């Protein structure tokens, strides 16, 4: 029997998370291999503790957490601010155990079940950890609610009355054929039967995104699917498996198994397959496929090529003509839509308007249209990106000041520079020098006005410049030790442009300096944007090519930077990363 230890760590927002730890059996020789367990919804780490022995992996250290709001962890029972909070908790958990126990990500395997499997798959998708293997048991991508129109009904009630809780309807004898395990489920005081509707609806939303974009997942993945599952649907599990981007994948249908796959009476069948898969993945060196040529070959390139084609059929062309005509009409009374039509919906002027988030129009109807426009999910993501940028900018400035270094900042495509100027005004110890650059004369003019309004002319300067000219960037003076690239690379699908820009920054930034960069790995409105909105580039359709986070991080690594940390909005649209130049 393994010896269990009870531990805890503090997550990103101060929430204390409980976890169990089982050292490798031969404690005299510390193993660098680790297995992390994510429990089922409503449950806790004690419900997967039996796996520490039953998996028969004595050379592995094993960790299992109580997710926020479950078991012995803090947080309201069965609730969280959103599902992305749980995914970020997972990132903090892995960061904690790698630092505390001297582990490398490539020496970690994950086994996750049900809701825990959705957390794990979203974490692997969003944060692109270089882990060795991922085993998902009956992932809860779509819960069977059995009530007609249950999800739309819950959405309507949630919008009307706010957050509320629903109880799990599943009886223990429909979770497992193991009578003792079913009995213990009923008697376990740490089981949390209620779940908040907010979290339940978010589970559906995140699952839908992860299934659609599973090609971005390159970690070797095994699915263990219960053949007689009364809790979750099998079709989304199959869609996820079919879409997976890793060639190393397996899907096992386990006949007669109920939902508690890893707690079933005949669970040894599932555990033997998981053990074999994990040991097989560890038998060869960790491998991450290169995505540096994804601008030429791959599914995001195919997606973009399809968006360049005119809409097909008879109805779709008429539909998009109607949408564009509606936008043109709305632009006559909505200030934000008018600005987008005049300067481009991807322009610095539009971005600054979105940041300010103050609906304006020529009439009450115009203000209402402007409000709806500013509340679109893409613009909400942009405003969250600004907050994440400000957070990492403060962290980078603090790191440099703690090293007693001068803080020389450059933003190579600043737009109006609002987010960086807002940040500077919030901190007590100002940077030594800030250079804002942009290719647009309008942005330079309006950015300079904003600098003067905020009284920062003594340390901030704005100039015109090309963010893709390697020589210009290499000759920046004074040499920056903190560079920011926000909202730029997302607008250009060509990786050679990004390579030139990053290489120029690497030429300018000394070893030990920092880079903050953004990315757009996902957007639910790509088709609408391509068909209806125009770009700042001569009013052409605004067609974007998404970059997976792996692709963006590899471009940054190629330039000599190592990623330190990352932030992502709750919808999975925009990421902000901090990297340090290492060579």
Protein backbone atom coordinates (compact mmCIF):
# COMPACT_ATOMS: atom_id res chain seq x y z
CA UNK A 1 0.00 0.00 0.00
CA UNK A 2 1.28 3.44 -0.90
CA UNK A 3 1.69 6.04 1.82
CA UNK A 4 -0.64 8.98 1.29
CA UNK A 5 0.21 12.56 2.24
CA UNK A 6 -2.29 15.42 2.45
CA UNK A 7 -1.18 18.74 0.98
CA UNK A 8 -2.56 22.03 -0.33
CA UNK A 9 -1.55 24.92 -2.57
CA UNK A 10 -2.83 28.42 -3.20
CA UNK A 11 -4.33 28.96 -6.65
CA UNK A 12 -4.31 32.07 -8.83
CA UNK A 13 -6.97 33.98 -6.87
CA UNK A 14 -5.99 32.93 -3.36
CA UNK A 15 -8.27 29.87 -3.18
CA UNK A 16 -6.69 27.03 -1.20
CA UNK A 17 -6.82 23.74 -3.08
CA UNK A 18 -6.43 20.41 -1.27
CA UNK A 19 -4.60 17.49 -2.85
CA UNK A 20 -3.28 14.04 -2.01
CA UNK A 21 0.24 12.91 -2.78
CA UNK A 22 1.65 9.41 -3.00
CA UNK A 23 5.46 9.24 -3.38
CA UNK A 24 6.94 6.58 -5.62
CA UNK A 25 7.15 3.21 -3.89
CA UNK A 26 10.96 3.29 -3.80
CA UNK A 27 11.24 6.52 -1.82
CA UNK A 28 15.03 6.20 -1.56
CA UNK A 29 15.29 6.88 -5.28
CA UNK A 30 13.08 9.84 -6.18
CA UNK A 31 11.21 9.23 -9.42
CA UNK A 32 10.93 11.97 -12.00
CA UNK A 33 7.78 10.43 -13.46
CA UNK A 34 4.41 11.61 -12.22
CA UNK A 35 0.75 10.84 -12.66
CA UNK A 36 -1.96 13.43 -11.93
CA UNK A 37 -5.56 12.34 -11.30
CA UNK A 38 -8.64 14.52 -11.89
CA UNK A 39 -11.80 13.22 -10.22
CA UNK A 40 -15.38 13.05 -11.49
CA UNK A 41 -17.88 15.87 -11.01
CA UNK A 42 -19.48 16.07 -7.54
CA UNK A 43 -16.62 14.00 -6.09
CA UNK A 44 -13.12 14.53 -4.67
CA UNK A 45 -9.63 13.02 -4.63
CA UNK A 46 -10.60 10.41 -2.05
CA UNK A 47 -12.84 8.81 -4.67
CA UNK A 48 -9.83 8.13 -6.94
CA UNK A 49 -7.40 7.23 -4.15
CA UNK A 50 -7.83 3.52 -4.92
CA UNK A 51 -6.12 4.12 -8.26
CA UNK A 52 -2.82 4.90 -6.55
CA UNK A 53 -2.40 1.16 -5.89
CA UNK A 54 -4.64 -0.37 -8.55
CA UNK A 55 -2.83 1.28 -11.47
CA UNK A 56 0.31 -0.64 -10.48
CA UNK A 57 2.73 2.12 -11.48
CA UNK A 58 5.15 1.97 -8.53
CA UNK A 59 7.78 4.19 -10.17
CA UNK A 60 5.39 7.10 -10.54
CA UNK A 61 4.67 9.81 -8.02
CA UNK A 62 0.90 10.29 -7.95
CA UNK A 63 -1.10 13.45 -7.26
CA UNK A 64 -4.88 13.97 -7.01
CA UNK A 65 -6.66 17.22 -6.22
CA UNK A 66 -10.04 18.21 -4.88
CA UNK A 67 -11.31 20.63 -7.49
CA UNK A 68 -12.43 24.04 -6.24
CA UNK A 69 -15.79 23.82 -4.49
CA UNK A 70 -15.38 20.06 -3.93
CA UNK A 71 -14.08 17.85 -1.14
CA UNK A 72 -11.67 19.62 1.19
CA UNK A 73 -10.82 22.49 -1.16
CA UNK A 74 -12.13 26.01 -0.61
CA UNK A 75 -14.83 27.56 -2.75
CA UNK A 76 -18.62 27.48 -2.74
CA UNK A 77 -19.84 23.89 -3.04
CA UNK A 78 -20.47 22.92 -6.64
CA UNK A 79 -19.65 26.34 -8.01
CA UNK A 80 -16.90 28.50 -9.51
CA UNK A 81 -16.87 31.93 -11.20
CA UNK A 82 -16.74 30.08 -14.55
CA UNK A 83 -15.33 26.88 -15.99
CA UNK A 84 -12.17 28.68 -17.10
CA UNK A 85 -11.40 29.23 -13.40
CA UNK A 86 -11.19 25.46 -12.92
CA UNK A 87 -8.94 25.16 -15.97
CA UNK A 88 -6.66 27.88 -14.61
CA UNK A 89 -6.65 26.06 -11.26
CA UNK A 90 -5.35 23.00 -13.15
CA UNK A 91 -2.54 25.11 -14.62
CA UNK A 92 -1.65 26.38 -11.13
CA UNK A 93 -1.74 22.82 -9.78
CA UNK A 94 0.74 21.61 -12.39
CA UNK A 95 2.95 24.65 -11.84
CA UNK A 96 2.90 23.92 -8.11
CA UNK A 97 3.88 20.27 -8.34
CA UNK A 98 6.58 20.88 -10.95
CA UNK A 99 8.21 23.48 -8.70
CA UNK A 100 7.58 21.72 -5.37
CA UNK A 101 8.66 18.25 -6.49
CA UNK A 102 11.24 19.10 -9.16
CA UNK A 103 9.24 17.69 -12.06
CA UNK A 104 9.30 18.47 -15.76
CA UNK A 105 6.03 18.71 -17.68
CA UNK A 106 7.23 16.08 -20.16
CA UNK A 107 7.45 13.58 -17.29
CA UNK A 108 3.77 14.00 -16.34
CA UNK A 109 0.78 11.91 -17.44
CA UNK A 110 -2.85 12.77 -16.70
CA UNK A 111 -5.76 10.46 -15.94
CA UNK A 112 -9.07 12.32 -15.72
CA UNK A 113 -12.70 11.26 -15.53
CA UNK A 114 -16.05 12.85 -16.44
CA UNK A 115 -16.05 16.60 -15.64
CA UNK A 116 -12.41 16.23 -14.62
CA UNK A 117 -11.71 14.97 -18.15
CA UNK A 118 -13.24 18.15 -19.60
CA UNK A 119 -11.05 20.25 -17.29
CA UNK A 120 -7.98 18.27 -18.36
CA UNK A 121 -8.74 18.43 -22.09
CA UNK A 122 -9.47 22.19 -21.92
CA UNK A 123 -6.22 22.71 -19.99
CA UNK A 124 -4.22 20.75 -22.58
CA UNK A 125 -5.91 22.70 -25.39
CA UNK A 126 -5.58 26.18 -23.90
CA UNK A 127 -2.23 26.07 -22.09
CA UNK A 128 -0.48 23.55 -24.43
CA UNK A 129 1.56 21.80 -21.72
CA UNK A 130 4.27 19.46 -22.96
CA UNK A 131 2.97 16.47 -20.98
CA UNK A 132 3.64 12.87 -21.98
CA UNK A 133 0.13 11.35 -22.05
CA UNK A 134 -3.55 12.13 -21.48
CA UNK A 135 -6.10 9.46 -20.51
CA UNK A 136 -9.75 10.57 -20.50
CA UNK A 137 -12.39 8.33 -18.96
CA UNK A 138 -15.99 9.06 -20.04
CA UNK A 139 -15.43 12.81 -20.56
CA UNK A 140 -18.61 14.77 -19.76
CA UNK A 141 -18.71 16.80 -22.98
CA UNK A 142 -22.51 16.51 -23.02
CA UNK A 143 -24.50 15.58 -19.92
CA UNK A 144 -27.79 13.73 -20.44
CA UNK A 145 -30.38 15.93 -18.76
CA UNK A 146 -33.35 13.85 -20.06
CA UNK A 147 -35.68 16.86 -19.97
CA UNK A 148 -36.71 18.25 -23.41
CA UNK A 149 -35.07 21.62 -24.15
CA UNK A 150 -33.30 21.46 -20.77
CA UNK A 151 -30.26 23.50 -21.80
CA UNK A 152 -32.22 26.37 -23.47
CA UNK A 153 -34.56 26.35 -20.48
CA UNK A 154 -31.70 26.59 -18.00
CA UNK A 155 -30.17 29.44 -20.05
CA UNK A 156 -33.47 31.31 -19.99
CA UNK A 157 -33.88 30.85 -16.24
CA UNK A 158 -30.25 31.82 -15.61
CA UNK A 159 -30.65 35.03 -17.62
CA UNK A 160 -33.90 35.80 -15.79
CA UNK A 161 -33.06 34.95 -12.17
CA UNK A 162 -29.27 34.67 -12.07
CA UNK A 163 -27.24 31.76 -10.79
CA UNK A 164 -28.96 28.88 -9.01
CA UNK A 165 -28.23 25.24 -8.24
CA UNK A 166 -29.55 21.92 -9.49
CA UNK A 167 -29.00 18.54 -7.87
CA UNK A 168 -27.54 15.52 -9.60
CA UNK A 169 -30.34 13.14 -10.52
CA UNK A 170 -28.08 10.10 -10.97
CA UNK A 171 -28.49 7.27 -8.50
CA UNK A 172 -25.28 5.55 -7.34
CA UNK A 173 -26.35 2.17 -8.77
CA UNK A 174 -26.39 3.77 -12.23
CA UNK A 175 -22.81 4.96 -11.82
CA UNK A 176 -21.17 1.60 -11.14
CA UNK A 177 -21.87 -2.12 -10.76
CA UNK A 178 -19.55 -2.14 -7.74
CA UNK A 179 -22.05 -2.34 -4.87
CA UNK A 180 -19.57 -1.20 -2.23
CA UNK A 181 -18.52 1.82 -4.28
CA UNK A 182 -22.16 2.76 -4.92
CA UNK A 183 -22.86 2.48 -1.18
CA UNK A 184 -19.85 4.62 -0.27
CA UNK A 185 -21.03 7.30 -2.72
CA UNK A 186 -24.29 7.61 -0.80
CA UNK A 187 -22.54 7.78 2.58
CA UNK A 188 -19.62 10.05 1.64
CA UNK A 189 -20.07 13.43 3.43
CA UNK A 190 -17.67 15.13 1.00
CA UNK A 191 -19.79 14.36 -2.06
CA UNK A 192 -21.27 17.59 -3.47
CA UNK A 193 -24.57 16.78 -5.21
CA UNK A 194 -25.60 20.32 -6.28
CA UNK A 195 -23.93 22.08 -9.19
CA UNK A 196 -24.48 25.70 -10.16
CA UNK A 197 -26.31 26.32 -13.42
CA UNK A 198 -23.64 28.87 -14.31
CA UNK A 199 -20.99 26.15 -14.16
CA UNK A 200 -23.17 23.57 -15.90
CA UNK A 201 -23.89 25.87 -18.85
CA UNK A 202 -20.24 26.83 -19.05
CA UNK A 203 -19.34 23.13 -19.13
CA UNK A 204 -21.43 22.78 -22.31
CA UNK A 205 -19.87 25.89 -23.86
CA UNK A 206 -16.26 24.90 -23.15
CA UNK A 207 -16.90 21.33 -24.28
CA UNK A 208 -18.30 22.55 -27.59
CA UNK A 209 -15.21 24.68 -28.21
CA UNK A 210 -12.77 21.93 -27.29
CA UNK A 211 -14.52 19.35 -29.48
CA UNK A 212 -14.58 21.67 -32.49
CA UNK A 213 -10.92 22.61 -32.08
CA UNK A 214 -9.51 19.28 -30.86
CA UNK A 215 -7.09 19.31 -33.81
CA UNK A 216 -5.05 21.75 -31.71
CA UNK A 217 -4.38 18.98 -29.15
CA UNK A 218 -1.14 17.13 -29.98
CA UNK A 219 -0.63 15.28 -26.66
CA UNK A 220 -0.93 11.47 -27.02
CA UNK A 221 -4.49 10.77 -25.90
CA UNK A 222 -6.47 7.71 -24.91
CA UNK A 223 -10.26 7.66 -24.46
CA UNK A 224 -11.92 5.09 -22.22
CA UNK A 225 -15.63 5.21 -23.02
CA UNK A 226 -18.26 3.49 -20.90
CA UNK A 227 -20.54 1.43 -23.12
CA UNK A 228 -23.67 1.80 -20.97
CA UNK A 229 -23.34 5.36 -19.75
CA UNK A 230 -26.55 6.89 -18.37
CA UNK A 231 -24.89 10.21 -17.52
CA UNK A 232 -23.11 11.54 -20.63
CA UNK A 233 -23.55 11.17 -24.39
CA UNK A 234 -21.16 9.17 -26.52
CA UNK A 235 -21.45 11.10 -29.81
CA UNK A 236 -19.50 14.20 -28.58
CA UNK A 237 -16.80 11.86 -27.21
CA UNK A 238 -16.47 10.28 -30.66
CA UNK A 239 -16.38 13.71 -32.34
CA UNK A 240 -13.64 14.81 -29.98
CA UNK A 241 -11.65 11.67 -30.73
CA UNK A 242 -12.10 12.03 -34.50
CA UNK A 243 -10.93 15.67 -34.36
CA UNK A 244 -7.86 15.07 -32.17
CA UNK A 245 -4.67 16.45 -33.73
CA UNK A 246 -2.35 13.80 -32.34
CA UNK A 247 -1.56 10.67 -34.39
CA UNK A 248 -1.03 8.81 -31.10
CA UNK A 249 -4.61 8.26 -30.02
CA UNK A 250 -6.79 5.38 -28.93
CA UNK A 251 -10.50 4.97 -28.18
CA UNK A 252 -11.75 1.98 -26.19
CA UNK A 253 -15.47 1.27 -25.81
CA UNK A 254 -15.98 -0.74 -22.62
CA UNK A 255 -19.18 -2.82 -22.97
CA UNK A 256 -21.59 -2.71 -20.05
CA UNK A 257 -19.61 -0.08 -18.11
CA UNK A 258 -21.60 2.60 -16.33
CA UNK A 259 -20.37 6.20 -16.07
CA UNK A 260 -17.89 5.70 -13.21
CA UNK A 261 -15.44 4.07 -15.60
CA UNK A 262 -12.49 3.96 -13.20
CA UNK A 263 -14.70 2.86 -10.32
CA UNK A 264 -16.56 0.09 -12.12
CA UNK A 265 -16.69 -3.49 -10.85
CA UNK A 266 -14.49 -4.65 -13.75
CA UNK A 267 -12.35 -1.53 -13.79
CA UNK A 268 -9.19 -3.62 -14.13
CA UNK A 269 -10.02 -3.80 -17.86
CA UNK A 270 -9.86 0.00 -18.16
CA UNK A 271 -6.84 0.30 -15.86
CA UNK A 272 -4.83 -2.25 -17.84
CA UNK A 273 -5.39 -0.23 -21.01
CA UNK A 274 -4.49 3.05 -19.27
CA UNK A 275 -1.34 1.55 -17.74
CA UNK A 276 -0.19 0.09 -21.06
CA UNK A 277 -0.81 3.39 -22.88
CA UNK A 278 1.03 5.48 -20.28
CA UNK A 279 4.05 3.16 -20.14
CA UNK A 280 4.11 3.07 -23.93
CA UNK A 281 4.20 6.88 -24.09
CA UNK A 282 7.05 6.97 -21.55
CA UNK A 283 8.97 4.30 -23.48
CA UNK A 284 9.97 6.81 -26.15
CA UNK A 285 11.24 10.41 -25.89
CA UNK A 286 8.64 13.16 -25.60
CA UNK A 287 7.72 14.53 -29.01
CA UNK A 288 5.97 17.74 -29.95
CA UNK A 289 5.19 18.25 -33.65
CA UNK A 290 6.39 21.46 -35.30
CA UNK A 291 3.69 23.92 -36.29
CA UNK A 292 6.04 26.55 -37.74
CA UNK A 293 4.67 25.91 -41.24
CA UNK A 294 1.00 25.94 -40.20
CA UNK A 295 0.50 29.06 -42.31
CA UNK A 296 1.05 26.87 -45.39
CA UNK A 297 -0.16 23.42 -44.34
CA UNK A 298 -2.77 22.49 -41.77
CA UNK A 299 -6.34 22.91 -40.67
CA UNK A 300 -6.17 26.61 -39.76
CA UNK A 301 -4.85 27.35 -43.26
CA UNK A 302 -7.68 25.31 -44.78
CA UNK A 303 -10.17 27.18 -42.59
CA UNK A 304 -8.83 30.51 -43.85
CA UNK A 305 -8.83 29.42 -47.49
CA UNK A 306 -12.48 28.44 -47.16
CA UNK A 307 -13.31 31.89 -45.76
CA UNK A 308 -11.81 33.54 -48.84
CA UNK A 309 -14.34 31.75 -51.08
CA UNK A 310 -17.67 33.45 -51.78
CA UNK A 311 -20.66 32.04 -49.89
CA UNK A 312 -22.26 29.15 -51.75
CA UNK A 313 -25.84 28.42 -52.72
CA UNK A 314 -28.79 30.76 -53.16
CA UNK A 315 -29.65 31.71 -49.59
CA UNK A 316 -26.21 32.40 -48.08
CA UNK A 317 -25.20 35.21 -50.52
CA UNK A 318 -28.53 36.94 -49.90
CA UNK A 319 -28.13 36.50 -46.14
CA UNK A 320 -24.70 38.14 -46.08
CA UNK A 321 -25.89 40.96 -48.33
CA UNK A 322 -28.65 41.61 -45.82
CA UNK A 323 -26.18 41.56 -42.90
CA UNK A 324 -23.84 44.03 -44.61
CA UNK A 325 -26.76 46.30 -45.53
CA UNK A 326 -27.94 46.17 -41.92
CA UNK A 327 -24.46 47.14 -40.69
CA UNK A 328 -24.36 50.02 -43.18
CA UNK A 329 -27.69 51.27 -41.85
CA UNK A 330 -26.60 50.82 -38.22
CA UNK A 331 -23.42 52.75 -39.02
CA UNK A 332 -25.51 55.84 -39.70
CA UNK A 333 -26.69 55.99 -36.09
CA UNK A 334 -24.12 53.94 -34.11
CA UNK A 335 -20.77 55.67 -33.53
CA UNK A 336 -18.83 52.44 -33.01
CA UNK A 337 -20.11 50.72 -36.15
CA UNK A 338 -19.57 53.93 -38.14
CA UNK A 339 -15.96 54.09 -36.92
CA UNK A 340 -15.41 50.46 -37.92
CA UNK A 341 -16.82 51.06 -41.40
CA UNK A 342 -14.63 54.15 -41.87
CA UNK A 343 -11.30 52.98 -40.40
CA UNK A 344 -11.63 49.18 -40.39
CA UNK A 345 -12.95 46.96 -37.63
CA UNK A 346 -9.37 45.90 -36.86
CA UNK A 347 -7.94 49.43 -36.72
CA UNK A 348 -6.30 51.08 -33.74
CA UNK A 349 -9.13 53.60 -33.64
CA UNK A 350 -11.74 50.86 -33.36
CA UNK A 351 -9.70 49.07 -30.71
CA UNK A 352 -9.46 52.22 -28.61
CA UNK A 353 -13.22 52.72 -28.94
CA UNK A 354 -13.83 49.15 -27.79
CA UNK A 355 -11.50 49.65 -24.82
CA UNK A 356 -13.46 52.73 -23.70
CA UNK A 357 -16.74 50.75 -23.89
CA UNK A 358 -19.03 53.78 -23.86
CA UNK A 359 -22.02 53.21 -26.20
CA UNK A 360 -22.78 56.27 -28.31
CA UNK A 361 -25.09 57.09 -31.20
CA UNK A 362 -27.21 59.72 -32.87
CA UNK A 363 -30.35 58.49 -31.11
CA UNK A 364 -31.55 56.10 -28.42
CA UNK A 365 -31.78 53.40 -31.10
CA UNK A 366 -28.24 54.21 -32.22
CA UNK A 367 -26.97 53.93 -28.64
CA UNK A 368 -28.76 50.58 -28.31
CA UNK A 369 -27.15 49.28 -31.52
CA UNK A 370 -23.80 50.53 -30.24
CA UNK A 371 -24.34 48.74 -26.93
CA UNK A 372 -25.09 45.46 -28.71
CA UNK A 373 -22.03 45.98 -30.90
CA UNK A 374 -19.72 46.59 -27.94
CA UNK A 375 -21.12 43.57 -26.10
CA UNK A 376 -20.29 41.11 -28.88
CA UNK A 377 -18.19 38.24 -27.59
CA UNK A 378 -15.14 39.29 -29.60
CA UNK A 379 -15.06 42.77 -28.10
CA UNK A 380 -15.65 41.40 -24.60
CA UNK A 381 -12.65 39.17 -25.21
CA UNK A 382 -10.63 42.20 -26.36
CA UNK A 383 -11.40 44.05 -23.13
CA UNK A 384 -10.40 41.02 -21.06
CA UNK A 385 -7.20 40.82 -23.12
CA UNK A 386 -6.47 44.42 -22.08
CA UNK A 387 -6.83 43.47 -18.41
CA UNK A 388 -4.58 40.45 -18.88
CA UNK A 389 -2.05 42.60 -20.72
CA UNK A 390 -1.99 45.11 -17.90
CA UNK A 391 -1.51 42.33 -15.34
CA UNK A 392 1.47 40.78 -17.15
CA UNK A 393 2.93 44.20 -17.96
CA UNK A 394 2.96 45.03 -14.25
CA UNK A 395 4.57 41.66 -13.52
CA UNK A 396 7.29 42.16 -16.13
CA UNK A 397 8.06 45.69 -14.90
CA UNK A 398 8.25 44.37 -11.33
CA UNK A 399 10.64 41.59 -12.38
CA UNK A 400 12.98 44.07 -14.03
CA UNK A 401 12.88 46.48 -11.10
CA UNK A 402 13.61 43.66 -8.65
CA UNK A 403 16.68 42.87 -10.76
CA UNK A 404 17.69 46.56 -10.39
CA UNK A 405 17.50 46.95 -14.15
CA UNK A 406 16.32 50.05 -15.95
CA UNK A 407 12.90 49.50 -17.49
CA UNK A 408 12.94 50.43 -21.18
CA UNK A 409 9.72 49.43 -22.91
CA UNK A 410 8.75 49.30 -26.56
CA UNK A 411 5.33 48.52 -28.00
CA UNK A 412 5.82 47.91 -31.71
CA UNK A 413 2.15 48.20 -32.75
CA UNK A 414 0.58 50.27 -30.00
CA UNK A 415 -2.58 51.53 -31.70
CA UNK A 416 -3.43 54.48 -29.46
CA UNK A 417 -1.40 52.93 -26.63
CA UNK A 418 -4.25 53.13 -24.16
CA UNK A 419 -3.58 49.88 -22.28
CA UNK A 420 0.10 50.63 -21.69
CA UNK A 421 -0.58 54.24 -20.69
CA UNK A 422 -3.35 53.13 -18.32
CA UNK A 423 -0.95 50.65 -16.73
CA UNK A 424 1.82 53.21 -16.27
CA UNK A 425 -0.54 55.59 -14.52
CA UNK A 426 -1.53 52.82 -12.06
CA UNK A 427 1.95 51.88 -10.82
CA UNK A 428 4.01 53.78 -8.29
CA UNK A 429 7.43 53.11 -9.81
CA UNK A 430 7.29 54.26 -13.42
CA UNK A 431 9.41 52.74 -16.18
CA UNK A 432 12.48 54.70 -17.25
CA UNK A 433 11.49 55.00 -20.89
CA UNK A 434 8.56 53.94 -23.09
CA UNK A 435 8.54 53.99 -26.87
CA UNK A 436 5.22 53.47 -28.63
CA UNK A 437 5.29 52.72 -32.35
CA UNK A 438 2.64 52.23 -35.01
CA UNK A 439 2.50 52.29 -38.80
CA UNK A 440 -0.64 54.50 -38.87
CA UNK A 441 -0.33 58.30 -38.87
CA UNK A 442 -3.77 58.48 -37.22
CA UNK A 443 -2.65 56.21 -34.38
CA UNK A 444 0.56 58.18 -33.89
CA UNK A 445 -1.38 61.45 -33.75
CA UNK A 446 -4.11 60.20 -31.40
CA UNK A 447 -1.62 58.27 -29.27
CA UNK A 448 0.51 61.38 -28.79
CA UNK A 449 -2.60 63.28 -27.71
CA UNK A 450 -3.39 60.56 -25.18
CA UNK A 451 0.18 60.73 -23.81
CA UNK A 452 -0.21 64.47 -23.24
CA UNK A 453 -3.65 64.05 -21.64
CA UNK A 454 -2.20 61.60 -19.12
CA UNK A 455 0.82 63.79 -18.40
CA UNK A 456 3.38 61.17 -19.42
CA UNK A 457 5.32 63.11 -22.06
CA UNK A 458 8.47 63.04 -19.93
CA UNK A 459 8.90 59.27 -20.22
CA UNK A 460 6.73 58.22 -23.19
CA UNK A 461 7.34 58.91 -26.87
CA UNK A 462 5.30 57.90 -29.93
CA UNK A 463 6.79 57.40 -33.38
CA UNK A 464 5.84 55.88 -36.72
CA UNK A 465 7.40 52.49 -37.41
CA UNK A 466 7.09 49.17 -39.18
CA UNK A 467 6.55 46.28 -36.78
CA UNK A 468 7.74 43.75 -39.36
CA UNK A 469 11.01 45.45 -40.35
CA UNK A 470 13.73 43.43 -38.64
CA UNK A 471 16.40 46.07 -39.18
CA UNK A 472 14.26 48.88 -37.73
CA UNK A 473 13.52 46.83 -34.64
CA UNK A 474 17.13 45.72 -34.18
CA UNK A 475 18.26 49.37 -34.17
CA UNK A 476 15.82 50.60 -31.52
CA UNK A 477 17.45 53.06 -29.15
CA UNK A 478 17.63 52.90 -26.24
CA UNK A 479 17.66 49.12 -26.32
CA UNK A 480 14.39 47.80 -24.83
CA UNK A 481 14.40 45.08 -22.19
CA UNK A 482 10.63 44.70 -22.36
CA UNK A 483 8.79 44.49 -25.68
CA UNK A 484 5.04 44.26 -26.22
CA UNK A 485 3.27 42.92 -29.30
CA UNK A 486 -0.48 43.09 -28.78
CA UNK A 487 -3.21 42.42 -31.32
CA UNK A 488 -0.81 42.51 -34.26
CA UNK A 489 0.26 39.00 -35.16
CA UNK A 490 -3.38 37.86 -35.09
CA UNK A 491 -4.09 40.07 -38.12
CA UNK A 492 -1.44 38.51 -40.35
CA UNK A 493 -1.49 34.84 -41.30
CA UNK A 494 1.99 34.73 -42.85
CA UNK A 495 4.51 33.26 -40.41
CA UNK A 496 7.48 34.79 -42.22
CA UNK A 497 6.24 38.24 -41.21
CA UNK A 498 6.01 37.08 -37.60
CA UNK A 499 9.46 35.51 -37.80
CA UNK A 500 10.97 38.79 -39.09
CA UNK A 501 9.31 40.78 -36.31
CA UNK A 502 10.34 38.42 -33.52
CA UNK A 503 13.88 38.16 -34.88
CA UNK A 504 14.16 41.96 -34.83
CA UNK A 505 13.00 42.07 -31.23
CA UNK A 506 15.46 39.32 -30.31
CA UNK A 507 18.22 41.41 -31.89
CA UNK A 508 17.21 44.37 -29.74
CA UNK A 509 16.34 42.74 -26.40
CA UNK A 510 19.28 41.54 -24.27
CA UNK A 511 19.36 38.07 -22.74
CA UNK A 512 17.17 38.20 -19.62
CA UNK A 513 14.80 40.75 -21.15
CA UNK A 514 11.10 40.09 -21.60
CA UNK A 515 8.50 39.83 -24.35
CA UNK A 516 4.72 40.09 -23.93
CA UNK A 517 2.75 38.73 -26.88
CA UNK A 518 -0.87 38.01 -27.65
CA UNK A 519 -2.54 35.32 -29.72
CA UNK A 520 -5.99 34.32 -30.96
CA UNK A 521 -6.25 30.53 -30.89
CA UNK A 522 -10.04 30.54 -31.23
CA UNK A 523 -12.88 32.80 -32.32
CA UNK A 524 -16.55 31.77 -32.53
CA UNK A 525 -17.35 34.52 -35.07
CA UNK A 526 -14.68 33.98 -37.74
CA UNK A 527 -17.25 33.50 -40.50
CA UNK A 528 -19.26 36.58 -39.52
CA UNK A 529 -16.08 38.68 -39.37
CA UNK A 530 -14.88 37.46 -42.79
CA UNK A 531 -18.26 37.91 -44.49
CA UNK A 532 -19.49 41.13 -42.90
CA UNK A 533 -16.62 43.22 -41.50
CA UNK A 534 -13.89 45.12 -43.29
CA UNK A 535 -10.21 45.51 -42.46
CA UNK A 536 -8.10 48.64 -42.15
CA UNK A 537 -6.24 47.39 -45.22
CA UNK A 538 -8.10 49.18 -48.04
CA UNK A 539 -11.49 48.08 -46.81
CA UNK A 540 -10.91 44.45 -47.75
CA UNK A 541 -12.81 41.67 -45.95
CA UNK A 542 -11.35 41.01 -42.52
CA UNK A 543 -10.20 37.41 -42.92
CA UNK A 544 -8.06 36.04 -40.10
CA UNK A 545 -6.08 32.85 -39.78
CA UNK A 546 -6.13 31.48 -36.26
CA UNK A 547 -2.86 30.31 -34.76
CA UNK A 548 -2.98 27.51 -32.24
CA UNK A 549 -1.18 28.42 -29.05
CA UNK A 550 1.43 25.77 -29.86
CA UNK A 551 2.19 27.45 -33.18
CA UNK A 552 2.52 30.89 -31.61
CA UNK A 553 4.69 29.64 -28.77
CA UNK A 554 6.95 27.80 -31.21
CA UNK A 555 7.46 30.97 -33.26
CA UNK A 556 8.44 32.80 -30.07
CA UNK A 557 10.77 29.97 -29.00
CA UNK A 558 12.40 29.96 -32.42
CA UNK A 559 13.40 33.59 -31.83
CA UNK A 560 15.18 32.69 -28.58
CA UNK A 561 12.47 33.32 -25.96
CA UNK A 562 11.14 30.96 -23.29
CA UNK A 563 7.51 31.27 -22.26
CA UNK A 564 7.05 31.88 -18.52
CA UNK A 565 3.33 32.28 -18.00
CA UNK A 566 0.07 32.90 -19.85
CA UNK A 567 -3.41 34.34 -19.36
CA UNK A 568 -6.54 33.45 -21.34
CA UNK A 569 -10.09 34.82 -21.26
CA UNK A 570 -13.00 32.64 -20.16
CA UNK A 571 -14.16 32.14 -23.77
CA UNK A 572 -10.77 30.87 -24.96
CA UNK A 573 -10.44 33.58 -27.62
CA UNK A 574 -7.37 35.64 -26.69
CA UNK A 575 -4.21 34.73 -24.83
CA UNK A 576 -1.51 36.97 -23.38
CA UNK A 577 1.89 35.42 -22.68
CA UNK A 578 5.07 36.52 -20.97
CA UNK A 579 8.40 35.14 -22.24
CA UNK A 580 12.05 35.77 -21.42
CA UNK A 581 14.92 35.90 -23.86
CA UNK A 582 17.29 33.03 -23.04
CA UNK A 583 19.68 33.09 -26.01
